[in-house]
Amino acid sequence: MKLISIIIPAYNHRDAILESLRTIASQHYPHIEVIIVDDGSDTPVVDDIEEISELFKKRDIEDKTKTRLTFLQQENSGAPSARNKGFGQAKGEYIIFWDADVIAKRDMLKKMHNVLTLHAEVDYCYSSFTFGNKKMPGQKFDLARLKENNYIHSTSLIRKEAVVKWDESLKRFQDWDVWLAMLENGSKGIWIPEYLFKVLPRKSGISTWLPSLVYKKPFIWLPGISKKVLAYEDAKSIVKKKHKI
């Protein structure tokens, strides 16, 4: 059974991180390593090292496994930088960039691993998820659609040899940039049509998501909305220009 390296960029949000780690410790897939990269949190993640270690110690005793825990620290440089740093330490044949606000079902890694085992023709797999109580459905892998919009969450299982470096200069759409870069390398993905995890809403990151109707008239002109929409479109155009699409 192959090793899965779980790389978690962490910046504050202590309670969410601990809850996310509990769902990692409860995963049915036994062969994992967990790499936590503290991106300059106000309260360092290592302050909770005993509590975190106990979570996985219990898992290892019950499942007769040995989970390797790695704690890395850096000055605040952003999630892409933290992911790159974590990847540099990864030993697994499979990589998953696990966001610190992700709460996974216990069989998520097992299902993702099984799909990649069955489908040697693809380099990664992804699933649908929920954002709070809102369903965020995925879709079948489609080259043309991926070039228009991202429909793949960063918490997806990837073969290590297919992983590309995260662009640390991008402020938004870093995950879309990764999938497009992998696409240019010939990598393809496969969708698991199940809701395998949820994302906890928070004041930054994916919680800046807006419903599609705000991008249409007359909502786009509302105070506070137009600025967000323009920022969204500007960031999207930067990624499209980079990949010549």
C-alpha atoms as a PDB file:
ATOM      1  CA  MET A   1       0.000   0.000   0.000  1.00  0.00           C
ATOM      2  CA  LYS A   2       1.473   3.339  -1.067  1.00  0.00           C
ATOM      3  CA  LEU A   3       2.222   6.252   1.248  1.00  0.00           C
ATOM      4  CA  ILE A   4       0.054   9.365   1.015  1.00  0.00           C
ATOM      5  CA  SER A   5       1.687  12.643   2.038  1.00  0.00           C
ATOM      6  CA  ILE A   6      -0.853  15.103   3.442  1.00  0.00           C
ATOM      7  CA  ILE A   7       0.447  18.683   3.228  1.00  0.00           C
ATOM      8  CA  ILE A   8      -1.411  21.277   5.295  1.00  0.00           C
ATOM      9  CA  PRO A   9      -0.669  25.005   5.016  1.00  0.00           C
ATOM     10  CA  ALA A  10      -1.735  26.543   8.332  1.00  0.00           C
ATOM     11  CA  TYR A  11      -2.296  30.191   9.176  1.00  0.00           C
ATOM     12  CA  ASN A  12      -4.180  30.940  12.393  1.00  0.00           C
ATOM     13  CA  HIS A  13      -7.720  29.437  12.558  1.00  0.00           C
ATOM     14  CA  ARG A  14      -6.510  27.072  15.300  1.00  0.00           C
ATOM     15  CA  ASP A  15      -9.897  25.487  16.000  1.00  0.00           C
ATOM     16  CA  ALA A  16     -10.506  24.680  12.329  1.00  0.00           C
ATOM     17  CA  ILE A  17      -7.055  23.141  11.948  1.00  0.00           C
ATOM     18  CA  LEU A  18      -7.526  20.890  14.970  1.00  0.00           C
ATOM     19  CA  GLU A  19     -10.939  19.779  13.726  1.00  0.00           C
ATOM     20  CA  SER A  20      -9.480  19.078  10.285  1.00  0.00           C
ATOM     21  CA  LEU A  21      -6.652  17.033  11.832  1.00  0.00           C
ATOM     22  CA  ARG A  22      -9.177  14.942  13.760  1.00  0.00           C
ATOM     23  CA  THR A  23     -10.754  13.908  10.462  1.00  0.00           C
ATOM     24  CA  ILE A  24      -7.317  12.998   9.106  1.00  0.00           C
ATOM     25  CA  ALA A  25      -6.612  10.889  12.180  1.00  0.00           C
ATOM     26  CA  SER A  26      -9.898   9.032  11.606  1.00  0.00           C
ATOM     27  CA  GLN A  27      -9.195   8.152   7.959  1.00  0.00           C
ATOM     28  CA  HIS A  28      -9.633   4.490   7.025  1.00  0.00           C
ATOM     29  CA  TYR A  29      -6.564   4.633   4.767  1.00  0.00           C
ATOM     30  CA  PRO A  30      -3.697   3.582   7.056  1.00  0.00           C
ATOM     31  CA  HIS A  31      -0.469   4.583   5.304  1.00  0.00           C
ATOM     32  CA  ILE A  32      -0.114   8.367   5.652  1.00  0.00           C
ATOM     33  CA  GLU A  33       2.313  11.068   6.683  1.00  0.00           C
ATOM     34  CA  VAL A  34       1.137  14.509   7.796  1.00  0.00           C
ATOM     35  CA  ILE A  35       3.202  17.618   7.061  1.00  0.00           C
ATOM     36  CA  ILE A  36       1.940  20.806   8.705  1.00  0.00           C
ATOM     37  CA  VAL A  37       3.509  24.039   7.480  1.00  0.00           C
ATOM     38  CA  ASP A  38       2.853  26.953   9.826  1.00  0.00           C
ATOM     39  CA  ASP A  39       2.776  30.064   7.652  1.00  0.00           C
ATOM     40  CA  GLY A  40       3.619  32.537  10.403  1.00  0.00           C
ATOM     41  CA  SER A  41       0.545  32.034  12.592  1.00  0.00           C
ATOM     42  CA  ASP A  42       0.073  34.421  15.532  1.00  0.00           C
ATOM     43  CA  THR A  43      -0.012  31.353  17.776  1.00  0.00           C
ATOM     44  CA  PRO A  44       2.361  28.741  16.272  1.00  0.00           C
ATOM     45  CA  VAL A  45       0.857  25.350  15.453  1.00  0.00           C
ATOM     46  CA  VAL A  46       3.696  23.682  17.351  1.00  0.00           C
ATOM     47  CA  ASP A  47       2.106  25.027  20.540  1.00  0.00           C
ATOM     48  CA  ASP A  48      -0.493  22.296  20.018  1.00  0.00           C
ATOM     49  CA  ILE A  49       2.037  19.587  19.208  1.00  0.00           C
ATOM     50  CA  GLU A  50       1.110  17.434  22.206  1.00  0.00           C
ATOM     51  CA  GLU A  51      -2.617  17.517  21.411  1.00  0.00           C
ATOM     52  CA  ILE A  52      -1.976  16.784  17.737  1.00  0.00           C
ATOM     53  CA  SER A  53       0.459  13.989  18.526  1.00  0.00           C
ATOM     54  CA  GLU A  54      -2.073  12.360  20.838  1.00  0.00           C
ATOM     55  CA  LEU A  55      -4.635  12.282  18.017  1.00  0.00           C
ATOM     56  CA  PHE A  56      -2.332  10.224  15.841  1.00  0.00           C
ATOM     57  CA  LYS A  57      -0.905   8.152  18.669  1.00  0.00           C
ATOM     58  CA  LYS A  58      -4.409   6.881  19.360  1.00  0.00           C
ATOM     59  CA  ARG A  59      -4.885   6.166  15.641  1.00  0.00           C
ATOM     60  CA  ASP A  60      -1.606   4.253  15.453  1.00  0.00           C
ATOM     61  CA  ILE A  61      -2.442   2.101  18.475  1.00  0.00           C
ATOM     62  CA  GLU A  62      -5.936   1.251  17.251  1.00  0.00           C
ATOM     63  CA  ASP A  63      -5.001   0.653  13.596  1.00  0.00           C
ATOM     64  CA  LYS A  64      -1.475  -0.699  14.201  1.00  0.00           C
ATOM     65  CA  THR A  65       0.036   1.984  11.988  1.00  0.00           C
ATOM     66  CA  LYS A  66       2.846   4.493  12.404  1.00  0.00           C
ATOM     67  CA  THR A  67       1.926   7.989  11.265  1.00  0.00           C
ATOM     68  CA  ARG A  68       4.836  10.307  10.599  1.00  0.00           C
ATOM     69  CA  LEU A  69       4.164  13.883  11.767  1.00  0.00           C
ATOM     70  CA  THR A  70       6.297  16.763  10.497  1.00  0.00           C
ATOM     71  CA  PHE A  71       5.965  20.360  11.712  1.00  0.00           C
ATOM     72  CA  LEU A  72       7.549  23.116   9.619  1.00  0.00           C
ATOM     73  CA  GLN A  73       7.526  26.868  10.211  1.00  0.00           C
ATOM     74  CA  GLN A  74       8.107  29.879   8.012  1.00  0.00           C
ATOM     75  CA  GLU A  75       7.467  33.608   8.013  1.00  0.00           C
ATOM     76  CA  ASN A  76       4.056  34.486   6.590  1.00  0.00           C
ATOM     77  CA  SER A  77       4.466  34.002   2.840  1.00  0.00           C
ATOM     78  CA  GLY A  78       1.103  32.628   1.739  1.00  0.00           C
ATOM     79  CA  ALA A  79      -0.412  29.196   1.206  1.00  0.00           C
ATOM     80  CA  PRO A  80       1.368  28.480  -2.126  1.00  0.00           C
ATOM     81  CA  SER A  81       4.755  28.993  -0.461  1.00  0.00           C
ATOM     82  CA  ALA A  82       3.735  26.762   2.450  1.00  0.00           C
ATOM     83  CA  ARG A  83       2.574  24.029   0.068  1.00  0.00           C
ATOM     84  CA  ASN A  84       5.861  24.154  -1.838  1.00  0.00           C
ATOM     85  CA  LYS A  85       7.815  23.931   1.403  1.00  0.00           C
ATOM     86  CA  GLY A  86       5.753  20.960   2.554  1.00  0.00           C
ATOM     87  CA  PHE A  87       6.123  19.191  -0.781  1.00  0.00           C
ATOM     88  CA  GLY A  88       9.883  19.488  -0.468  1.00  0.00           C
ATOM     89  CA  GLN A  89       9.684  17.221   2.606  1.00  0.00           C
ATOM     90  CA  ALA A  90       7.101  14.743   1.236  1.00  0.00           C
ATOM     91  CA  LYS A  91       8.039  11.066   1.074  1.00  0.00           C
ATOM     92  CA  GLY A  92       4.766   9.687  -0.309  1.00  0.00           C
ATOM     93  CA  GLU A  93       4.001   8.308  -3.755  1.00  0.00           C
ATOM     94  CA  TYR A  94       0.740  10.273  -3.568  1.00  0.00           C
ATOM     95  CA  ILE A  95       0.324  13.905  -2.507  1.00  0.00           C
ATOM     96  CA  ILE A  96      -2.721  15.752  -1.242  1.00  0.00           C
ATOM     97  CA  PHE A  97      -2.635  19.477  -0.477  1.00  0.00           C
ATOM     98  CA  TRP A  98      -5.136  19.441   2.352  1.00  0.00           C
ATOM     99  CA  ASP A  99      -6.576  22.842   3.243  1.00  0.00           C
ATOM    100  CA  ALA A 100      -6.734  23.526   6.968  1.00  0.00           C
ATOM    101  CA  ASP A 101     -10.492  24.155   6.832  1.00  0.00           C
ATOM    102  CA  VAL A 102     -11.323  20.791   5.206  1.00  0.00           C
ATOM    103  CA  ILE A 103     -13.419  18.293   7.158  1.00  0.00           C
ATOM    104  CA  ALA A 104     -13.259  14.931   5.388  1.00  0.00           C
ATOM    105  CA  LYS A 105     -15.369  11.813   5.496  1.00  0.00           C
ATOM    106  CA  ARG A 106     -13.505   8.867   6.984  1.00  0.00           C
ATOM    107  CA  ASP A 107     -13.311   6.996   3.679  1.00  0.00           C
ATOM    108  CA  MET A 108     -12.156   9.921   1.519  1.00  0.00           C
ATOM    109  CA  LEU A 109      -8.492   8.964   1.150  1.00  0.00           C
ATOM    110  CA  LYS A 110      -9.315   5.298   0.706  1.00  0.00           C
ATOM    111  CA  LYS A 111     -11.755   6.070  -2.108  1.00  0.00           C
ATOM    112  CA  MET A 112      -9.359   8.465  -3.809  1.00  0.00           C
ATOM    113  CA  HIS A 113      -6.501   5.953  -3.566  1.00  0.00           C
ATOM    114  CA  ASN A 114      -8.681   3.185  -5.014  1.00  0.00           C
ATOM    115  CA  VAL A 115      -9.671   5.365  -7.968  1.00  0.00           C
ATOM    116  CA  LEU A 116      -6.059   6.179  -8.851  1.00  0.00           C
ATOM    117  CA  THR A 117      -5.135   2.514  -8.486  1.00  0.00           C
ATOM    118  CA  LEU A 118      -7.867   1.556 -10.956  1.00  0.00           C
ATOM    119  CA  HIS A 119      -7.171   4.392 -13.401  1.00  0.00           C
ATOM    120  CA  ALA A 120      -3.503   4.422 -14.335  1.00  0.00           C
ATOM    121  CA  GLU A 121      -4.295   6.788 -17.218  1.00  0.00           C
ATOM    122  CA  VAL A 122      -4.916   9.780 -14.906  1.00  0.00           C
ATOM    123  CA  ASP A 123      -2.611  11.655 -12.541  1.00  0.00           C
ATOM    124  CA  TYR A 124      -5.093  12.918  -9.974  1.00  0.00           C
ATOM    125  CA  CYS A 125      -8.623  12.561  -8.699  1.00  0.00           C
ATOM    126  CA  TYR A 126     -11.033  15.049  -7.164  1.00  0.00           C
ATOM    127  CA  SER A 127     -14.530  15.027  -5.696  1.00  0.00           C
ATOM    128  CA  SER A 128     -17.526  17.215  -5.046  1.00  0.00           C
ATOM    129  CA  PHE A 129     -17.663  18.939  -1.670  1.00  0.00           C
ATOM    130  CA  THR A 130     -19.831  21.219   0.440  1.00  0.00           C
ATOM    131  CA  PHE A 131     -19.015  24.757   1.499  1.00  0.00           C
ATOM    132  CA  GLY A 132     -20.767  25.097   4.824  1.00  0.00           C
ATOM    133  CA  ASN A 133     -24.217  23.817   3.942  1.00  0.00           C
ATOM    134  CA  LYS A 134     -23.994  24.632   0.240  1.00  0.00           C
ATOM    135  CA  LYS A 135     -23.242  21.822  -2.199  1.00  0.00           C
ATOM    136  CA  MET A 136     -20.384  22.494  -4.601  1.00  0.00           C
ATOM    137  CA  PRO A 137     -20.773  19.779  -7.257  1.00  0.00           C
ATOM    138  CA  GLY A 138     -17.829  18.781  -9.385  1.00  0.00           C
ATOM    139  CA  GLN A 139     -18.016  17.607 -12.973  1.00  0.00           C
ATOM    140  CA  LYS A 140     -16.396  15.120 -15.299  1.00  0.00           C
ATOM    141  CA  PHE A 141     -12.903  16.080 -16.353  1.00  0.00           C
ATOM    142  CA  ASP A 142     -13.086  18.238 -19.464  1.00  0.00           C
ATOM    143  CA  LEU A 143     -10.083  20.007 -21.003  1.00  0.00           C
ATOM    144  CA  ALA A 144     -12.013  22.858 -22.619  1.00  0.00           C
ATOM    145  CA  ARG A 145     -14.093  23.596 -19.523  1.00  0.00           C
ATOM    146  CA  LEU A 146     -11.055  23.582 -17.268  1.00  0.00           C
ATOM    147  CA  LYS A 147      -9.510  26.271 -19.461  1.00  0.00           C
ATOM    148  CA  GLU A 148     -12.586  28.440 -18.915  1.00  0.00           C
ATOM    149  CA  ASN A 149     -13.222  27.930 -15.193  1.00  0.00           C
ATOM    150  CA  ASN A 150     -11.845  25.920 -12.320  1.00  0.00           C
ATOM    151  CA  TYR A 151     -14.076  23.154 -10.976  1.00  0.00           C
ATOM    152  CA  ILE A 152     -11.394  21.227  -9.039  1.00  0.00           C
ATOM    153  CA  HIS A 153     -10.661  21.865  -5.367  1.00  0.00           C
ATOM    154  CA  SER A 154      -7.041  21.949  -4.220  1.00  0.00           C
ATOM    155  CA  THR A 155      -7.736  19.061  -1.815  1.00  0.00           C
ATOM    156  CA  SER A 156      -7.306  16.384  -4.478  1.00  0.00           C
ATOM    157  CA  LEU A 157      -5.077  13.298  -4.558  1.00  0.00           C
ATOM    158  CA  ILE A 158      -2.130  13.565  -6.993  1.00  0.00           C
ATOM    159  CA  ARG A 159       0.604  11.189  -8.117  1.00  0.00           C
ATOM    160  CA  LYS A 160       3.839  12.684  -6.822  1.00  0.00           C
ATOM    161  CA  GLU A 161       5.587  12.663 -10.187  1.00  0.00           C
ATOM    162  CA  ALA A 162       2.823  14.844 -11.666  1.00  0.00           C
ATOM    163  CA  VAL A 163       2.928  17.585  -9.007  1.00  0.00           C
ATOM    164  CA  VAL A 164       4.007  21.059 -10.189  1.00  0.00           C
ATOM    165  CA  LYS A 165       5.255  23.971  -8.131  1.00  0.00           C
ATOM    166  CA  TRP A 166       2.641  26.389  -6.816  1.00  0.00           C
ATOM    167  CA  ASP A 167       2.981  29.927  -8.199  1.00  0.00           C
ATOM    168  CA  GLU A 168       3.772  32.036  -5.131  1.00  0.00           C
ATOM    169  CA  SER A 169       3.147  35.303  -6.979  1.00  0.00           C
ATOM    170  CA  LEU A 170      -0.575  34.652  -7.476  1.00  0.00           C
ATOM    171  CA  LYS A 171      -3.029  36.025  -4.926  1.00  0.00           C
ATOM    172  CA  ARG A 172      -6.058  34.110  -6.233  1.00  0.00           C
ATOM    173  CA  PHE A 173      -6.789  31.073  -8.409  1.00  0.00           C
ATOM    174  CA  GLN A 174      -3.571  29.326  -7.344  1.00  0.00           C
ATOM    175  CA  ASP A 175      -5.267  25.927  -7.557  1.00  0.00           C
ATOM    176  CA  TRP A 176      -6.625  26.633 -11.050  1.00  0.00           C
ATOM    177  CA  ASP A 177      -3.115  27.651 -12.103  1.00  0.00           C
ATOM    178  CA  VAL A 178      -1.790  24.300 -10.834  1.00  0.00           C
ATOM    179  CA  TRP A 179      -4.354  22.255 -12.771  1.00  0.00           C
ATOM    180  CA  LEU A 180      -3.661  24.269 -15.935  1.00  0.00           C
ATOM    181  CA  ALA A 181       0.111  23.812 -15.529  1.00  0.00           C
ATOM    182  CA  MET A 182      -0.396  20.069 -15.054  1.00  0.00           C
ATOM    183  CA  LEU A 183      -2.677  20.025 -18.087  1.00  0.00           C
ATOM    184  CA  GLU A 184       0.135  21.554 -20.148  1.00  0.00           C
ATOM    185  CA  ASN A 185       2.342  18.695 -18.938  1.00  0.00           C
ATOM    186  CA  GLY A 186      -0.185  16.163 -20.209  1.00  0.00           C
ATOM    187  CA  SER A 187      -1.800  15.353 -16.850  1.00  0.00           C
ATOM    188  CA  LYS A 188      -5.497  14.569 -16.637  1.00  0.00           C
ATOM    189  CA  GLY A 189      -7.831  14.087 -13.702  1.00  0.00           C
ATOM    190  CA  ILE A 190     -10.877  12.036 -12.846  1.00  0.00           C
ATOM    191  CA  TRP A 191     -13.948  13.063 -10.872  1.00  0.00           C
ATOM    192  CA  ILE A 192     -15.392  11.041  -8.022  1.00  0.00           C
ATOM    193  CA  PRO A 193     -19.117  11.968  -8.103  1.00  0.00           C
ATOM    194  CA  GLU A 194     -19.485  12.015  -4.324  1.00  0.00           C
ATOM    195  CA  TYR A 195     -19.368  14.691  -1.640  1.00  0.00           C
ATOM    196  CA  LEU A 196     -16.285  13.486   0.230  1.00  0.00           C
ATOM    197  CA  PHE A 197     -15.534  16.565   2.337  1.00  0.00           C
ATOM    198  CA  LYS A 198     -16.805  19.925   3.481  1.00  0.00           C
ATOM    199  CA  VAL A 199     -15.071  23.261   3.811  1.00  0.00           C
ATOM    200  CA  LEU A 200     -15.629  25.349   6.920  1.00  0.00           C
ATOM    201  CA  PRO A 201     -16.597  28.954   6.019  1.00  0.00           C
ATOM    202  CA  ARG A 202     -14.187  31.608   7.241  1.00  0.00           C
ATOM    203  CA  LYS A 203     -13.293  35.231   6.555  1.00  0.00           C
ATOM    204  CA  SER A 204     -10.604  34.473   3.989  1.00  0.00           C
ATOM    205  CA  GLY A 205      -9.932  31.977   1.230  1.00  0.00           C
ATOM    206  CA  ILE A 206     -12.856  30.158  -0.347  1.00  0.00           C
ATOM    207  CA  SER A 207     -15.318  31.954   1.922  1.00  0.00           C
ATOM    208  CA  THR A 208     -14.967  34.930  -0.438  1.00  0.00           C
ATOM    209  CA  TRP A 209     -17.043  32.848  -2.859  1.00  0.00           C
ATOM    210  CA  LEU A 210     -20.042  34.701  -4.287  1.00  0.00           C
ATOM    211  CA  PRO A 211     -23.153  33.196  -5.897  1.00  0.00           C
ATOM    212  CA  SER A 212     -23.182  33.309  -9.696  1.00  0.00           C
ATOM    213  CA  LEU A 213     -26.118  35.723  -9.838  1.00  0.00           C
ATOM    214  CA  VAL A 214     -23.990  38.617  -8.482  1.00  0.00           C
ATOM    215  CA  TYR A 215     -22.005  38.578 -11.726  1.00  0.00           C
ATOM    216  CA  LYS A 216     -25.130  39.555 -13.637  1.00  0.00           C
ATOM    217  CA  LYS A 217     -27.034  42.837 -13.954  1.00  0.00           C
ATOM    218  CA  PRO A 218     -28.259  44.567 -11.809  1.00  0.00           C
ATOM    219  CA  PHE A 219     -26.432  42.865  -8.911  1.00  0.00           C
ATOM    220  CA  ILE A 220     -22.983  43.552 -10.362  1.00  0.00           C
ATOM    221  CA  TRP A 221     -23.541  47.289  -9.786  1.00  0.00           C
ATOM    222  CA  LEU A 222     -24.454  47.010  -6.107  1.00  0.00           C
ATOM    223  CA  PRO A 223     -22.088  48.750  -3.640  1.00  0.00           C
ATOM    224  CA  GLY A 224     -19.537  46.314  -2.258  1.00  0.00           C
ATOM    225  CA  ILE A 225     -20.279  43.760  -4.987  1.00  0.00           C
ATOM    226  CA  SER A 226     -18.806  45.477  -8.049  1.00  0.00           C
ATOM    227  CA  LYS A 227     -15.380  45.798  -6.415  1.00  0.00           C
ATOM    228  CA  LYS A 228     -15.294  42.088  -5.569  1.00  0.00           C
ATOM    229  CA  VAL A 229     -16.436  41.111  -9.044  1.00  0.00           C
ATOM    230  CA  LEU A 230     -13.781  43.299 -10.681  1.00  0.00           C
ATOM    231  CA  ALA A 231     -11.078  41.803  -8.434  1.00  0.00           C
ATOM    232  CA  TYR A 232     -12.306  38.319  -9.347  1.00  0.00           C
ATOM    233  CA  GLU A 233     -12.237  39.043 -13.081  1.00  0.00           C
ATOM    234  CA  ASP A 234      -8.809  40.713 -12.904  1.00  0.00           C
ATOM    235  CA  ALA A 235      -7.312  37.727 -11.075  1.00  0.00           C
ATOM    236  CA  LYS A 236      -8.897  35.338 -13.545  1.00  0.00           C
ATOM    237  CA  SER A 237      -7.466  37.265 -16.502  1.00  0.00           C
ATOM    238  CA  ILE A 238      -3.948  37.043 -14.999  1.00  0.00           C
ATOM    239  CA  VAL A 239      -4.125  33.245 -14.927  1.00  0.00           C
ATOM    240  CA  LYS A 240      -5.601  33.053 -18.415  1.00  0.00           C
ATOM    241  CA  LYS A 241      -2.866  35.305 -19.790  1.00  0.00           C
ATOM    242  CA  LYS A 242      -0.186  33.210 -18.102  1.00  0.00           C
ATOM    243  CA  HIS A 243      -1.491  30.047 -19.789  1.00  0.00           C
ATOM    244  CA  LYS A 244      -2.311  31.772 -23.091  1.00  0.00           C
ATOM    245  CA  ILE A 245      -6.035  30.978 -23.003  1.00  0.00           C
END
